[in-house]
Amino acid sequence: IDRYLAGVDFLDRHGIEVDWFVNITGQDYPLVPLDQAEAELVASGMDGFMEYWDMFGPDAQWPASRVDSRYHFQHRRLMPLSADAKRRLRPLQALNRVQPFVRVHVSYGLIVGRRATSPFGPDQDLQLHGGSAFSSLRWPVVEYLRDYLAAHPDVVEYFRNTLSPV
């Protein structure tokens, strides 16, 4: 999220006008010339394209237990782990299935999470959706997103400590 917003701020700060903000990785390679891709985006009449789903809806692509662990806990990485240490410590993750307060993960180092009050849910302003980090959004949508997050730094801070912010 921070890198995405840094790109938006860079364009804004340098007065670079864009119609669409397309988020891809260094491993992506457009299959059509950029002018053709832009023409397709403009011709679509849409404000953006992104894959997403209600995390607890009928189209959810992850089990509820994974969603709970990733987004209703605040995590801290305690230490990096070697591949051998990850293998040896993986059984600790069984704790995640037998109690609801703490999570232990070893995939990205020794990570421990504690249950936290999240900024989303039926009684909150935000609904939790999952999806791909890759999107193509018209600039006014990107500006709205940037302005919303600037006005709600608590949301950004919350996601900084989730297991997987996207």
Foldseek 3Di string as FASTA:
>chain_A
DVVLVVVVVVCVVVVPDDFKDWDDDPPDDDPDPPVVVVVVVVVVPDQKDFDKDQCPDPPHPDDPLVVCQQQQWFKDAPFADDPVVQVVCVVVQVVSVVDPAKGFHPPGHTMIIGGDDGQEDPVHPHGDMDGDPTMMGTPVVVVVVSVVCVVPVVNVVSLVGGPHSD
